[in-house]
Protein backbone atom coordinates (compact mmCIF):
# COMPACT_ATOMS: atom_id res chain seq x y z
CA MET A 1 163.08 191.65 -103.76
CA PHE A 2 164.68 194.94 -102.70
CA LEU A 3 161.21 196.54 -102.39
CA TRP A 4 159.87 193.69 -100.36
CA ILE A 5 162.79 193.86 -97.92
CA LEU A 6 162.46 197.63 -97.68
CA ALA A 7 158.72 197.13 -96.88
CA ILE A 8 159.45 194.51 -94.29
CA LEU A 9 161.90 196.92 -92.65
CA ILE A 10 159.35 199.80 -92.54
CA VAL A 11 156.82 197.53 -91.00
CA ILE A 12 159.38 196.33 -88.31
CA VAL A 13 160.26 199.93 -87.61
CA PHE A 14 156.62 200.99 -87.51
CA VAL A 15 155.58 198.15 -85.14
CA ALA A 16 158.62 198.81 -82.85
CA ASN A 17 157.55 202.49 -82.56
CA THR A 18 153.82 201.59 -82.22
CA VAL A 19 153.95 198.73 -79.60
CA LYS A 20 155.44 199.67 -76.29
CA ILE A 21 155.90 197.44 -73.29
CA VAL A 22 155.75 198.81 -69.81
CA GLN A 23 157.15 196.71 -66.99
CA GLN A 24 155.34 196.00 -63.78
CA TYR A 25 157.31 198.57 -61.64
CA GLU A 26 156.80 201.25 -64.28
CA LYS A 27 154.29 203.78 -65.44
CA GLY A 28 154.03 205.15 -68.88
CA LEU A 29 153.31 208.90 -69.69
CA VAL A 30 151.78 209.28 -73.26
CA GLU A 31 152.37 212.51 -74.85
CA THR A 32 150.53 213.49 -78.10
CA LEU A 33 152.30 216.20 -80.05
CA GLY A 34 154.19 217.17 -76.98
CA LYS A 35 151.12 217.30 -74.60
CA TYR A 36 150.43 214.90 -71.88
CA SER A 37 147.28 212.85 -72.89
CA GLY A 38 147.36 209.82 -70.51
CA THR A 39 149.15 207.33 -68.29
CA ALA A 40 149.86 203.76 -69.55
CA ASP A 41 149.94 200.86 -67.14
CA ALA A 42 152.00 197.79 -67.05
CA GLY A 43 151.71 195.68 -70.17
CA VAL A 44 151.50 196.18 -73.90
CA ASN A 45 150.58 199.58 -75.08
CA VAL A 46 150.13 200.99 -78.49
CA ILE A 47 150.84 204.53 -79.60
CA VAL A 48 150.80 206.40 -82.89
CA PRO A 49 154.34 206.77 -84.08
CA LEU A 50 155.43 210.33 -84.97
CA PHE A 51 152.42 211.81 -83.13
CA GLN A 52 152.73 210.13 -79.77
CA ASN A 53 155.62 209.56 -77.40
CA LEU A 54 155.73 207.23 -74.33
CA ARG A 55 157.95 208.06 -71.27
CA LYS A 56 158.62 205.30 -68.80
CA ILE A 57 158.83 206.30 -65.15
CA ASP A 58 160.28 203.76 -62.47
CA MET A 59 157.93 203.61 -59.51
CA ARG A 60 160.22 201.66 -57.25
CA GLU A 61 161.91 203.02 -53.97
CA GLN A 62 165.20 204.44 -54.85
CA VAL A 63 168.30 205.72 -53.08
CA MET A 64 170.18 208.96 -53.24
CA ASP A 65 173.65 209.48 -51.70
CA VAL A 66 174.36 212.85 -50.24
CA ALA A 67 178.09 213.46 -50.64
CA PRO A 68 180.02 214.25 -47.45
CA GLN A 69 179.93 217.91 -46.57
CA ASN A 70 181.16 220.30 -43.97
CA VAL A 71 178.50 221.53 -41.56
CA ILE A 72 178.93 224.00 -38.72
CA THR A 73 177.14 223.25 -35.43
CA LYS A 74 175.54 225.66 -33.05
CA ASP A 75 178.77 225.79 -30.97
CA ASN A 76 180.93 226.65 -33.93
CA VAL A 77 182.29 223.23 -34.58
CA THR A 78 182.82 221.95 -38.23
CA VAL A 79 181.86 218.41 -38.70
CA THR A 80 181.64 216.33 -41.87
CA VAL A 81 178.20 214.73 -42.43
CA ASP A 82 177.31 211.88 -44.91
CA ALA A 83 173.72 210.95 -45.54
CA ILE A 84 171.51 208.68 -47.62
CA ILE A 85 168.06 209.56 -48.90
CA TYR A 86 165.29 206.91 -49.76
CA PHE A 87 162.64 208.10 -51.96
CA GLN A 88 159.69 206.69 -54.01
CA ILE A 89 157.69 208.49 -56.89
CA THR A 90 154.09 208.57 -56.19
CA ASP A 91 152.84 210.77 -59.10
CA PRO A 92 154.80 210.32 -62.36
CA VAL A 93 153.02 213.23 -63.94
CA LYS A 94 154.44 215.79 -61.36
CA VAL A 95 157.79 214.30 -61.15
CA VAL A 96 158.19 214.84 -64.87
CA TYR A 97 156.33 218.15 -65.46
CA ASN A 98 156.89 220.05 -62.16
CA VAL A 99 160.60 219.68 -61.82
CA ALA A 100 163.33 219.61 -64.52
CA ASN A 101 165.85 217.39 -62.71
CA PHE A 102 164.42 215.84 -59.67
CA ALA A 103 167.76 214.12 -58.64
CA MET A 104 169.68 217.37 -58.68
CA ALA A 105 166.89 219.26 -56.86
CA ALA A 106 166.48 216.70 -54.11
CA LEU A 107 170.24 216.48 -53.61
CA LYS A 108 170.58 220.21 -53.11
CA LEU A 109 167.53 220.32 -51.03
CA ALA A 110 168.94 217.58 -48.64
CA GLN A 111 172.30 219.41 -48.44
CA THR A 112 170.60 222.82 -47.36
CA ASN A 113 168.25 221.22 -44.97
CA LEU A 114 170.99 219.14 -43.47
CA ARG A 115 172.98 222.33 -42.71
CA ASN A 116 169.89 223.93 -41.19
CA VAL A 117 168.98 221.03 -38.98
CA ILE A 118 172.54 220.36 -37.58
CA GLY A 119 173.24 224.09 -37.36
CA ASP A 120 170.66 224.37 -34.66
CA MET A 121 172.37 221.70 -32.47
CA GLU A 122 175.41 221.58 -30.43
CA LEU A 123 178.12 219.09 -31.06
CA ASP A 124 177.19 216.74 -28.23
CA THR A 125 173.63 216.75 -29.24
CA THR A 126 174.52 216.14 -32.88
CA LEU A 127 176.55 213.01 -32.08
CA THR A 128 173.89 211.41 -29.76
CA SER A 129 170.66 212.51 -31.82
CA ARG A 130 171.04 210.75 -35.20
CA GLU A 131 167.42 209.58 -34.98
CA LYS A 132 166.13 213.16 -34.35
CA ILE A 133 168.17 214.45 -37.20
CA ASN A 134 166.88 211.79 -39.62
CA THR A 135 163.27 212.52 -38.47
CA GLN A 136 163.59 216.25 -38.95
CA LEU A 137 165.30 216.09 -42.29
CA ARG A 138 162.79 213.57 -43.64
CA THR A 139 159.89 215.74 -42.44
CA VAL A 140 161.35 218.95 -44.26
CA MET A 141 162.27 217.18 -47.41
CA ASP A 142 158.92 215.34 -47.63
CA GLU A 143 156.96 218.50 -47.39
CA ALA A 144 159.25 220.15 -50.02
CA THR A 145 158.93 217.25 -52.51
CA ASP A 146 155.45 216.63 -52.13
CA LYS A 147 154.53 219.10 -55.00
CA TRP A 148 157.01 217.07 -57.19
CA GLY A 149 155.13 213.82 -56.75
CA VAL A 150 157.73 212.20 -54.67
CA LYS A 151 157.59 210.74 -51.12
CA ILE A 152 160.70 210.79 -48.91
CA THR A 153 160.52 207.47 -47.10
CA ARG A 154 163.64 207.58 -45.08
CA VAL A 155 166.81 209.59 -44.26
CA GLU A 156 169.77 208.00 -42.79
CA ILE A 157 172.89 209.79 -41.39
CA GLN A 158 175.80 207.57 -42.27
CA LYS A 159 178.44 209.18 -40.26
CA ILE A 160 179.13 212.42 -38.41
CA ASP A 161 183.04 213.15 -38.16
CA PRO A 162 184.22 215.90 -35.84
CA PRO A 163 187.78 217.51 -36.35
CA LYS A 164 190.76 215.43 -35.19
CA ASP A 165 191.48 217.70 -32.23
CA ILE A 166 187.79 217.45 -31.11
CA THR A 167 188.00 213.70 -31.59
CA ASP A 168 191.15 213.30 -29.40
CA SER A 169 189.63 215.71 -26.75
CA MET A 170 186.56 213.41 -26.69
CA SER A 171 188.54 210.20 -26.54
CA LYS A 172 190.40 211.59 -23.41
CA GLN A 173 187.05 212.73 -21.81
CA MET A 174 185.56 209.27 -22.39
CA LYS A 175 188.67 207.56 -21.03
CA ALA A 176 188.53 209.80 -17.89
CA GLU A 177 184.92 209.04 -17.45
CA ARG A 178 185.52 205.39 -17.73
CA GLU A 179 188.21 205.54 -15.16
CA LYS A 180 186.01 207.63 -12.94
CA ARG A 181 183.28 205.08 -13.16
CA ALA A 182 185.63 202.21 -12.53
CA ASN A 183 187.06 203.90 -9.43
CA ILE A 184 183.50 204.65 -8.18
CA LEU A 185 182.58 201.10 -8.67
CA ASP A 186 185.60 199.79 -6.92
CA ALA A 187 184.99 202.14 -4.05
CA GLU A 188 181.42 201.11 -3.77
CA GLY A 189 182.47 197.46 -3.86
CA PHE A 190 184.96 198.14 -1.04
CA ARG A 191 182.32 199.98 0.97
CA GLN A 192 179.74 197.26 0.53
CA ALA A 193 182.30 194.58 1.58
CA ALA A 194 183.17 196.59 4.72
CA ILE A 195 179.61 197.09 5.58
CA LEU A 196 178.74 193.42 5.05
CA LYS A 197 181.93 192.37 7.16
CA ALA A 198 181.09 194.77 9.98
CA GLU A 199 177.29 193.57 9.85
CA GLY A 200 178.45 190.05 9.99
CA ALA A 201 180.74 190.69 12.96
CA ARG A 202 177.93 192.49 14.72
CA GLN A 203 175.56 189.58 14.15
CA ALA A 204 178.12 187.12 15.39
CA VAL A 205 178.66 189.19 18.63
CA ILE A 206 174.91 189.48 19.14
CA LEU A 207 174.33 185.71 18.57
CA GLU A 208 177.27 184.93 20.91
CA ALA A 209 175.88 187.19 23.62
CA GLU A 210 172.37 185.77 23.23
CA ALA A 211 173.86 182.32 23.43
CA LYS A 212 175.59 183.25 26.67
CA ARG A 213 172.53 184.90 28.09
CA GLN A 214 170.36 181.89 27.36
CA GLN A 215 173.06 179.59 28.98
CA SER A 216 173.11 181.78 32.13
CA ILE A 217 169.28 181.80 32.16
CA LEU A 218 169.06 178.09 31.86
CA GLU A 219 171.90 177.42 34.50
CA ALA A 220 170.13 179.78 36.92
CA GLU A 221 166.78 178.07 36.38
CA GLY A 222 168.42 174.78 36.85
CA GLN A 223 169.91 175.83 40.21
CA ALA A 224 166.83 177.32 41.40
CA GLU A 225 164.94 174.27 40.56
CA ALA A 226 167.48 172.15 42.38
CA ILE A 227 167.52 174.41 45.45
CA LYS A 228 163.65 174.33 45.43
CA ARG A 229 163.57 170.56 45.24
CA VAL A 230 166.12 170.28 48.11
CA ALA A 231 164.15 172.67 50.23
CA ASP A 232 160.86 170.75 49.40
CA ALA A 233 162.47 167.51 50.51
CA GLN A 234 163.81 169.06 53.69
CA LYS A 235 160.51 170.55 54.43
CA TYR A 236 158.88 167.20 53.93
CA GLU A 237 161.38 165.46 56.03
CA ILE A 238 160.91 167.95 58.90
CA ASP A 239 157.14 167.78 58.68
CA THR A 240 157.30 163.96 58.75
CA VAL A 241 159.56 163.91 61.82
CA TYR A 242 157.32 166.56 63.42
CA ASN A 243 154.27 164.60 62.84
CA ALA A 244 155.73 161.38 64.04
CA ILE A 245 157.22 162.82 67.22
CA HIS A 246 153.89 164.45 68.10
CA ASP A 247 151.86 161.37 67.32
CA GLY A 248 153.94 159.80 70.26
CA LYS A 249 153.09 162.66 72.61
CA PRO A 250 156.63 163.31 73.74
CA THR A 251 157.82 165.74 76.21
CA ASN A 252 159.19 169.09 75.22
CA ASP A 253 162.53 168.27 76.41
CA LEU A 254 162.53 165.34 73.91
CA LEU A 255 161.12 167.43 71.14
CA ALA A 256 163.88 169.95 71.70
CA VAL A 257 166.60 167.38 71.37
CA LYS A 258 165.00 166.01 68.21
CA TYR A 259 164.72 169.51 66.73
CA MET A 260 168.33 170.19 67.52
CA GLU A 261 169.30 167.09 65.63
CA MET A 262 167.06 167.85 62.76
CA MET A 263 168.46 171.38 62.51
CA ALA A 264 171.92 170.11 62.38
CA LYS A 265 170.97 168.01 59.42
CA VAL A 266 169.20 170.89 57.72
CA ALA A 267 172.28 173.16 58.32
CA ASP A 268 174.38 170.67 56.34
CA GLY A 269 172.34 171.20 53.20
CA GLN A 270 172.61 173.78 50.45
CA ALA A 271 169.29 175.35 50.88
CA SER A 272 169.25 179.24 51.42
CA LYS A 273 165.93 178.91 53.27
CA ILE A 274 164.85 176.69 56.08
CA PHE A 275 161.16 175.98 56.72
CA LEU A 276 160.07 175.38 60.47
CA PRO A 277 156.62 174.32 61.71
CA LEU A 278 154.39 176.94 63.26
CA GLU A 279 154.23 175.30 66.64
CA THR A 280 157.73 176.05 67.83
CA SER A 281 157.01 178.25 70.83
CA GLY A 282 157.02 175.26 73.20
CA VAL A 283 160.03 173.66 71.65
CA THR A 284 161.99 176.98 72.00
CA ALA A 285 161.18 177.19 75.69
CA SER A 286 162.39 173.53 76.06
CA ILE A 287 165.58 174.36 74.37
CA ALA A 288 165.92 177.33 76.81
CA GLY A 289 165.18 175.04 79.79
CA ILE A 290 167.71 172.36 78.62
CA ALA A 291 170.37 175.08 78.38
CA GLU A 292 169.57 176.20 82.05
CA LEU A 293 169.91 172.56 83.04
CA PHE A 294 173.29 172.13 81.48
CA LYS A 295 174.44 175.58 82.97
CA ASP A 296 173.19 174.60 86.55
CA LYS A 297 174.88 171.03 86.21
CA LYS A 298 178.02 172.82 85.12
CA THR A 299 177.95 175.14 88.12
CA SER A 300 177.30 172.35 90.67
CA GLN A 301 180.15 170.40 89.31
CA THR A 302 182.46 173.19 89.70
CA VAL A 303 181.37 173.82 93.34
CA ASN A 304 181.99 170.22 94.18
CA LYS A 305 185.40 170.43 92.84
């Protein structure tokens, strides 16, 4: 029984050392007598115990935290920088046989290149150019780790902390800048309001003047039209009387009297112009004769007295 139990234990140990299971996200490196002999894919793999060994390499993307460190910028300001590096193994053979400790090597490489990248920038540029720093650092590290069979997929700067005195100065500067912008906006608002108010008053004056001008024009046109109509009526009345009198073949003395009566009526009107017929020479002579008759009559009456 003891021998059977011992034999079973030996078989179990032999099978455990012979059959190796590689996970889906892993690659297996088979070493025969200490020498690389092949790569095992995911699944069940059989090796020869004592002569062969299987190393499992995780092929998933991994994260490496770069501890906070002090970095001096181009304008001699010391800042504390904290970063995270994302990487993925692309060649399990290189990452095992080309570098002794990839994690330590990548960490030191990140710290060194972080100092170089930020050391070429001023403080203001450093605080506003995180994406640029991430891109430069990823490019430099990716070129350096390519021979290690590792791909640097992403580098993220978590924080950049300037000294406290610089932070206080920046806070005061930002506060002053915000107050300046607020004052500028207030002044601009007042200016726009004044401009709009003045423009509104100007438009109101223009519209009022235009309304008065239109009113004056309409009133003048109305008065002109009224005067014209009165003048036309008077002219028509004169022409009618003139034609009626001449149709009856009156004497010049009678015509003179009628013209004088008509002129009295015309003079009572509001027309600024009086229209007279063209045949007025005879009537004028008759009016002069009538005046002489009145004069002679007045003289004779005086003599008789």
